[in-house]
Amino acid sequence: MKWTDTLEIAISLSEAHADVDPTRINFVDLMRWVIALPGFSDDEKHCGERILEAIQQAWIDEIS
């Protein structure tokens, strides 16, 4: 998985953190959780606020 795989990341996050409200997570924690996902293999330097926003929105959409 890479940073641009926002939907795949969102699905993995919703499974790994089912008890978390994605509207309440800060970007520092979100970035750490993405990096910790099994199968994630991208450089954290390639991550930015826009990517994290896209992941967060995809996660919100996934659980809605």
C-alpha atoms as a PDB file:
ATOM      1  CA  MET A   1       0.000   0.000   0.000  1.00  0.00           C
ATOM      2  CA  LYS A   2       1.119   3.528  -0.802  1.00  0.00           C
ATOM      3  CA  TRP A   3      -0.120   6.918   0.428  1.00  0.00           C
ATOM      4  CA  THR A   4      -2.234   7.285  -2.698  1.00  0.00           C
ATOM      5  CA  ASP A   5      -4.223   4.111  -1.926  1.00  0.00           C
ATOM      6  CA  THR A   6      -6.625   6.136   0.198  1.00  0.00           C
ATOM      7  CA  LEU A   7      -9.627   3.809  -0.036  1.00  0.00           C
ATOM      8  CA  GLU A   8      -7.592   0.698   0.760  1.00  0.00           C
ATOM      9  CA  ILE A   9      -5.980   2.522   3.682  1.00  0.00           C
ATOM     10  CA  ALA A  10      -9.381   3.713   4.936  1.00  0.00           C
ATOM     11  CA  ILE A  11     -10.785   0.186   4.851  1.00  0.00           C
ATOM     12  CA  SER A  12      -7.768  -1.156   6.727  1.00  0.00           C
ATOM     13  CA  LEU A  13      -8.018   1.612   9.325  1.00  0.00           C
ATOM     14  CA  SER A  14     -11.743   1.041   9.853  1.00  0.00           C
ATOM     15  CA  GLU A  15     -11.018  -2.639  10.504  1.00  0.00           C
ATOM     16  CA  ALA A  16      -7.979  -2.039  12.721  1.00  0.00           C
ATOM     17  CA  HIS A  17      -9.562   0.799  14.706  1.00  0.00           C
ATOM     18  CA  ALA A  18     -13.271  -0.002  14.647  1.00  0.00           C
ATOM     19  CA  ASP A  19     -13.853   1.826  17.936  1.00  0.00           C
ATOM     20  CA  VAL A  20     -12.373   5.130  16.708  1.00  0.00           C
ATOM     21  CA  ASP A  21     -14.366   8.056  15.332  1.00  0.00           C
ATOM     22  CA  PRO A  22     -12.304   9.202  12.319  1.00  0.00           C
ATOM     23  CA  THR A  23     -13.615  12.767  12.670  1.00  0.00           C
ATOM     24  CA  ARG A  24     -11.798  13.039  15.989  1.00  0.00           C
ATOM     25  CA  ILE A  25      -8.356  11.733  15.059  1.00  0.00           C
ATOM     26  CA  ASN A  26      -5.462  14.146  14.657  1.00  0.00           C
ATOM     27  CA  PHE A  27      -3.186  13.893  11.647  1.00  0.00           C
ATOM     28  CA  VAL A  28      -0.117  12.904  13.680  1.00  0.00           C
ATOM     29  CA  ASP A  29      -1.893   9.815  15.012  1.00  0.00           C
ATOM     30  CA  LEU A  30      -3.470   9.102  11.628  1.00  0.00           C
ATOM     31  CA  MET A  31      -0.078   9.137   9.946  1.00  0.00           C
ATOM     32  CA  ARG A  32       1.385   6.786  12.581  1.00  0.00           C
ATOM     33  CA  TRP A  33      -1.539   4.389  12.229  1.00  0.00           C
ATOM     34  CA  VAL A  34      -1.225   4.308   8.438  1.00  0.00           C
ATOM     35  CA  ILE A  35       2.509   3.616   8.622  1.00  0.00           C
ATOM     36  CA  ALA A  36       1.817   0.774  11.087  1.00  0.00           C
ATOM     37  CA  LEU A  37      -0.695  -0.961   8.797  1.00  0.00           C
ATOM     38  CA  PRO A  38       0.359  -4.385   7.508  1.00  0.00           C
ATOM     39  CA  GLY A  39       1.256  -4.076   3.860  1.00  0.00           C
ATOM     40  CA  PHE A  40       1.997  -0.360   3.984  1.00  0.00           C
ATOM     41  CA  SER A  41       5.337   0.318   2.338  1.00  0.00           C
ATOM     42  CA  ASP A  42       5.658   3.976   1.417  1.00  0.00           C
ATOM     43  CA  ASP A  43       7.998   6.659   2.717  1.00  0.00           C
ATOM     44  CA  GLU A  44       6.501   8.916   5.377  1.00  0.00           C
ATOM     45  CA  LYS A  45       8.158  11.863   3.623  1.00  0.00           C
ATOM     46  CA  HIS A  46       5.659  11.408   0.776  1.00  0.00           C
ATOM     47  CA  CYS A  47       2.781  12.164   3.131  1.00  0.00           C
ATOM     48  CA  GLY A  48       1.197  15.575   3.421  1.00  0.00           C
ATOM     49  CA  GLU A  49      -1.884  17.210   4.850  1.00  0.00           C
ATOM     50  CA  ARG A  50      -3.898  16.739   1.647  1.00  0.00           C
ATOM     51  CA  ILE A  51      -3.219  13.004   1.622  1.00  0.00           C
ATOM     52  CA  LEU A  52      -4.170  12.678   5.280  1.00  0.00           C
ATOM     53  CA  GLU A  53      -7.365  14.641   4.646  1.00  0.00           C
ATOM     54  CA  ALA A  54      -8.223  12.300   1.762  1.00  0.00           C
ATOM     55  CA  ILE A  55      -7.575   9.234   3.927  1.00  0.00           C
ATOM     56  CA  GLN A  56      -9.653  10.668   6.764  1.00  0.00           C
ATOM     57  CA  GLN A  57     -12.548  11.475   4.416  1.00  0.00           C
ATOM     58  CA  ALA A  58     -12.414   8.026   2.840  1.00  0.00           C
ATOM     59  CA  TRP A  59     -12.502   6.502   6.340  1.00  0.00           C
ATOM     60  CA  ILE A  60     -15.511   8.653   7.266  1.00  0.00           C
ATOM     61  CA  ASP A  61     -17.251   7.604   4.042  1.00  0.00           C
ATOM     62  CA  GLU A  62     -16.391   3.953   4.688  1.00  0.00           C
ATOM     63  CA  ILE A  63     -18.124   3.839   8.051  1.00  0.00           C
ATOM     64  CA  SER A  64     -21.128   5.951   7.023  1.00  0.00           C
END
